Protein backbone atom coordinates (compact mmCIF):
# COMPACT_ATOMS: atom_id res chain seq x y z
CA MET A 1 28.28 121.74 111.81
CA LYS A 2 27.74 123.05 115.23
CA LYS A 3 29.55 121.33 117.80
CA ILE A 4 26.93 118.67 119.52
CA ILE A 5 25.87 119.06 123.10
CA MET A 6 24.06 116.54 124.91
CA LEU A 7 22.24 116.31 128.37
CA ILE A 8 22.07 112.76 129.70
CA LEU A 9 20.36 112.51 132.80
CA ALA A 10 21.48 109.94 134.69
CA PHE A 11 18.37 107.37 135.48
CA THR A 12 16.88 108.09 139.21
CA SER A 13 15.97 105.64 141.59
CA LEU A 14 12.27 106.06 143.18
CA GLU A 15 9.99 104.08 145.46
CA PHE A 16 7.75 102.35 143.33
CA GLN A 17 4.08 102.03 144.42
CA ALA A 18 2.12 100.72 141.64
CA VAL A 19 -1.81 102.52 141.11
CA ALA A 20 -4.74 100.17 139.85
CA ASN A 21 -6.76 102.01 136.92
CA THR A 22 -9.47 100.76 135.02
CA PHE A 23 -8.01 100.26 131.40
CA GLN A 24 -6.76 103.41 129.69
CA GLU A 25 -6.76 104.74 126.03
CA PRO A 26 -4.01 102.70 124.49
CA GLN A 27 -0.66 104.12 124.16
CA LYS A 28 1.25 103.91 121.12
CA VAL A 29 5.56 102.76 121.01
CA VAL A 30 7.23 105.67 119.71
CA ALA A 31 10.87 104.42 119.87
CA ILE A 32 11.86 103.44 116.30
CA SER A 33 13.73 100.51 117.45
CA GLY A 34 11.03 99.62 120.11
CA VAL A 35 10.46 99.43 123.92
CA LYS A 36 11.31 96.96 126.60
CA MET A 37 8.91 95.43 128.22
CA ARG A 38 9.78 93.92 131.77
CA THR A 39 8.42 91.67 134.74
CA ALA A 40 8.69 94.53 137.05
CA PRO A 41 9.28 98.55 136.99
CA SER A 42 12.91 98.55 136.77
CA LEU A 43 15.69 98.64 134.15
CA SER A 44 17.21 95.85 135.56
CA ALA A 45 14.13 93.49 135.52
CA LYS A 46 13.67 90.56 133.49
CA LEU A 47 12.67 91.48 130.03
CA VAL A 48 9.09 89.93 128.62
CA LYS A 49 9.42 91.18 125.13
CA ILE A 50 10.30 93.99 122.82
CA VAL A 51 7.20 95.89 121.87
CA GLY A 52 7.57 97.15 118.53
CA TYR A 53 7.84 100.75 117.11
CA GLY A 54 3.65 102.10 116.64
CA GLU A 55 2.47 99.02 118.51
CA GLU A 56 0.21 99.64 121.12
CA VAL A 57 0.38 99.03 124.68
CA HIS A 58 -2.92 98.98 126.52
CA ILE A 59 -2.42 100.35 129.89
CA ILE A 60 -3.78 99.10 133.50
CA ASP A 61 -1.67 100.34 136.30
CA THR A 62 0.49 103.57 136.49
CA VAL A 63 3.13 103.50 138.84
CA GLN A 64 3.33 106.11 141.15
CA GLY A 65 6.82 108.84 140.64
CA ILE A 66 8.44 110.34 138.09
CA GLN A 67 11.93 108.71 136.38
CA ARG A 68 14.13 110.08 133.81
CA ILE A 69 15.43 107.59 131.52
CA GLU A 70 18.45 109.40 129.56
CA TRP A 71 16.27 112.62 128.84
CA LEU A 72 12.87 111.39 129.16
CA GLU A 73 10.78 112.22 131.65
CA GLY A 74 8.16 109.12 133.00
CA ASN A 75 6.11 106.73 134.67
CA TRP A 76 6.72 102.98 134.34
CA VAL A 77 2.93 101.66 133.30
CA LYS A 78 2.04 97.97 133.40
CA GLY A 79 0.05 97.19 129.88
CA ILE A 80 -0.91 94.07 127.97
CA VAL A 81 0.20 93.89 124.31
CA ASP A 82 -0.97 90.65 122.55
CA GLY A 83 -2.05 89.09 125.16
CA ARG A 84 1.07 89.46 127.76
CA GLU A 85 1.63 91.56 130.49
CA GLY A 86 4.55 93.69 131.55
CA TYR A 87 6.00 97.04 132.66
CA VAL A 88 6.67 99.53 129.85
CA PHE A 89 8.09 103.13 130.72
CA ASN A 90 6.27 105.79 129.09
CA GLY A 91 8.46 107.68 127.85
CA PHE A 92 8.64 106.13 125.08
CA LEU A 93 5.08 105.74 124.74
CA SER A 94 2.39 108.76 123.21
CA ARG A 95 -1.37 109.10 122.44
CA LEU A 96 -0.18 111.02 119.88
CA PRO A 97 -1.00 109.27 116.06
CA ILE A 98 2.00 107.57 114.37
CA PRO A 99 3.41 109.13 111.43
CA MET A 100 2.58 106.54 108.56
CA ASN A 101 1.60 107.98 105.46
CA GLU A 102 3.96 109.27 102.97
CA TYR A 103 2.70 112.70 102.85
CA GLU A 104 3.51 112.75 106.50
CA LEU A 105 7.37 111.72 106.23
CA THR A 106 10.43 114.04 104.76
CA ARG A 107 11.40 113.51 101.38
CA ARG A 108 15.23 112.51 102.25
CA ASP A 109 15.69 116.06 103.60
CA ALA A 110 15.21 115.97 107.19
CA ASP A 111 12.73 119.06 106.63
CA ALA A 112 10.00 118.68 108.81
CA THR A 113 7.71 121.21 107.67
CA TYR A 114 5.22 120.11 105.72
CA PRO A 115 5.04 116.57 107.41
CA LEU A 116 4.50 118.82 110.29
CA ILE A 117 1.43 120.46 108.43
CA SER A 118 0.31 117.01 106.71
CA TRP A 119 0.34 115.11 110.20
CA THR A 120 -1.85 117.64 111.50
CA GLU A 121 -4.36 118.20 109.22
CA ASN A 122 -4.79 114.75 108.82
CA HIS A 123 -5.53 113.46 112.25
CA PHE A 124 -7.20 116.36 113.71
CA ASN A 125 -10.15 118.21 112.51
CA PRO A 126 -10.91 121.99 112.12
CA ILE A 127 -13.19 123.68 114.34
CA ALA A 128 -13.20 126.93 112.69
CA GLN A 129 -12.50 129.11 109.76
CA ALA A 130 -8.64 129.79 109.37
CA ASP A 131 -7.79 133.60 110.00
CA THR A 132 -5.61 134.96 107.36
CA VAL A 133 -3.16 137.84 107.33
CA GLU A 134 -1.48 139.27 104.56
CA GLY A 135 1.49 141.87 105.36
CA GLU A 136 3.89 143.40 102.62
CA ASP A 137 6.10 140.30 102.47
CA TYR A 138 4.45 137.85 104.16
CA ILE A 139 1.18 135.62 104.11
CA LYS A 140 0.15 134.35 107.67
CA GLU A 141 -2.76 131.46 108.42
CA VAL A 142 -3.31 130.22 111.78
CA GLN A 143 -5.75 127.39 112.10
CA TYR A 144 -7.62 125.72 114.70
CA PHE A 145 -8.30 121.98 115.22
CA GLU A 146 -9.88 119.62 117.98
CA ASP A 147 -8.01 119.25 121.34
CA GLY A 148 -7.05 122.77 121.19
CA ILE A 149 -4.26 122.28 118.84
CA ILE A 150 -3.18 125.42 117.02
CA LEU A 151 -1.39 125.26 113.50
CA THR A 152 0.40 128.84 112.06
CA LYS A 153 1.90 129.16 108.86
CA LYS A 154 4.03 131.87 108.00
CA GLU A 155 5.62 132.50 104.08
CA SER A 156 7.68 135.25 103.04
CA ILE A 157 10.32 135.15 100.32
CA TYR A 158 13.02 134.48 103.03
CA SER A 159 11.55 131.59 105.01
CA PHE A 160 8.66 129.52 105.42
CA ASP A 161 7.67 129.13 109.08
CA VAL A 162 5.62 126.86 110.90
CA VAL A 163 4.54 127.09 114.79
CA LEU A 164 2.68 123.86 115.79
CA HIS A 165 1.06 124.07 119.57
CA ILE A 166 -0.30 121.15 120.92
CA PRO A 167 -1.84 121.26 124.52
CA GLY A 168 -1.15 118.03 127.25
CA ILE A 169 1.63 116.88 125.86
CA ARG A 170 5.02 116.66 127.13
CA VAL A 171 8.87 117.85 125.57
CA GLY A 172 9.31 114.07 125.09
CA ASP A 173 5.89 113.69 122.84
CA ALA A 174 6.55 116.22 120.64
CA TYR A 175 10.47 115.38 120.09
CA ASN A 176 9.59 111.75 119.43
CA LEU A 177 6.93 112.86 117.01
CA LEU A 178 9.38 114.91 115.06
CA ARG A 179 12.02 112.12 114.65
CA SER A 180 9.60 109.90 113.58
CA THR A 181 8.70 111.95 110.36
CA MET A 182 12.24 111.49 109.33
CA LEU A 183 11.85 109.08 106.56
CA THR A 184 15.55 107.31 106.67
CA ARG A 185 18.15 106.21 108.69
CA THR A 186 20.46 108.73 107.68
CA GLU A 187 18.19 111.82 108.71
CA ARG A 188 16.84 110.20 111.96
CA GLU A 189 21.34 110.26 112.96
CA LEU A 190 21.26 113.57 111.57
CA PHE A 191 18.70 114.77 113.68
CA GLU A 192 19.62 113.44 116.96
CA GLU A 193 23.35 114.14 116.29
CA ASN A 194 22.50 118.09 116.32
CA THR A 195 19.84 118.22 119.05
CA LEU A 196 20.44 120.19 122.51
CA PHE A 197 18.69 119.60 125.29
CA ILE A 198 18.12 122.86 127.33
CA LYS A 199 17.59 122.53 131.26
CA ASN A 200 15.96 125.20 133.53
CA ARG A 201 16.35 126.24 136.87
CA GLU A 202 14.98 123.12 138.51
CA ASP A 203 16.49 120.97 136.47
CA ASN A 204 13.98 120.07 133.71
CA ILE A 205 14.27 120.29 130.23
CA ASP A 206 11.92 122.55 128.69
CA LYS A 207 13.48 123.34 125.42
CA VAL A 208 15.13 121.37 122.87
CA THR A 209 16.51 122.49 119.44
CA ILE A 210 17.67 120.24 116.58
CA ASP A 211 20.29 122.36 114.36
CA ILE A 212 20.05 121.07 111.20
CA ASP A 213 19.21 122.87 107.66
CA ALA A 214 15.48 123.51 108.62
CA PRO A 215 15.89 123.95 112.08
CA ILE A 216 13.17 122.67 115.00
CA GLU A 217 12.63 123.97 118.14
CA ILE A 218 10.45 122.45 120.78
CA ILE A 219 9.35 124.36 123.60
CA LYS A 220 7.42 123.97 126.79
CA THR A 221 4.08 126.16 127.47
CA HIS A 222 1.76 126.45 130.00
CA ASP A 223 -0.56 123.80 128.72
CA GLY A 224 2.00 121.88 126.42
CA VAL A 225 4.14 122.38 123.76
CA ASP A 226 4.76 124.59 120.84
CA ILE A 227 6.97 123.21 117.63
CA LEU A 228 8.86 125.79 115.46
CA VAL A 229 10.21 124.57 112.00
CA SER A 230 11.52 126.95 109.89
CA SER A 231 12.52 125.98 106.12
CA PHE A 232 14.36 128.24 104.22
CA GLN A 233 13.09 129.65 100.00
CA SER A 234 15.46 128.78 97.51
CA ILE A 235 13.72 131.24 95.03
CA CYS A 236 11.97 134.49 95.85
CA GLY A 237 8.67 135.32 95.48
CA MET A 238 5.86 133.65 97.84
CA THR A 239 3.92 130.88 96.31
CA GLY A 240 1.01 130.33 99.21
CA PHE A 241 0.09 127.22 100.78
């Protein structure tokens, strides 16, 4: 197994200033173990409650100043959950739908190719007819969905490759989405242990690789994120989509 390299970024303390907003679109907790709601925007502030995985946080204020906790970038936000107010770090929140259905989860093999396709087709509406290209030894299909989402599937006798482009999200959103597709704790541990975070010259993480049997790459683009997942064919001959 490839040696594990993890970049853990220290929490940077910045001056906080709350910005009053009207209610924003609720965001869901994507941390499997839940996220801590606190009385103030600080890791040392008193705990209000633990907000569970998949629960919605109704955000009413955003705190200025980007923070890094572990490797995740985000802001502290003031939110309401079950009538209780507190501050939550939004690196553990997402506007993306949470994979909950059986067909959006792996089959105990940590292969996220088909779960990622199912998640996309289940939660987003197509806006145009798919483009299909047949080569000598491959078939490629490009699907276009609302919100600028583009799903590309390419199948050959060697591999099945999926590229999902999602505008307007962070690298951390994509990482948490993929980790959420892992069905078992063993798969999630394998996923996390084989993660490599790659920083750019500005000391920001703009690429993540997960070196497992069905390898994954998450790449920051000019307008969002590309997710690349590959699984390798065990038999000769293409089966189609």
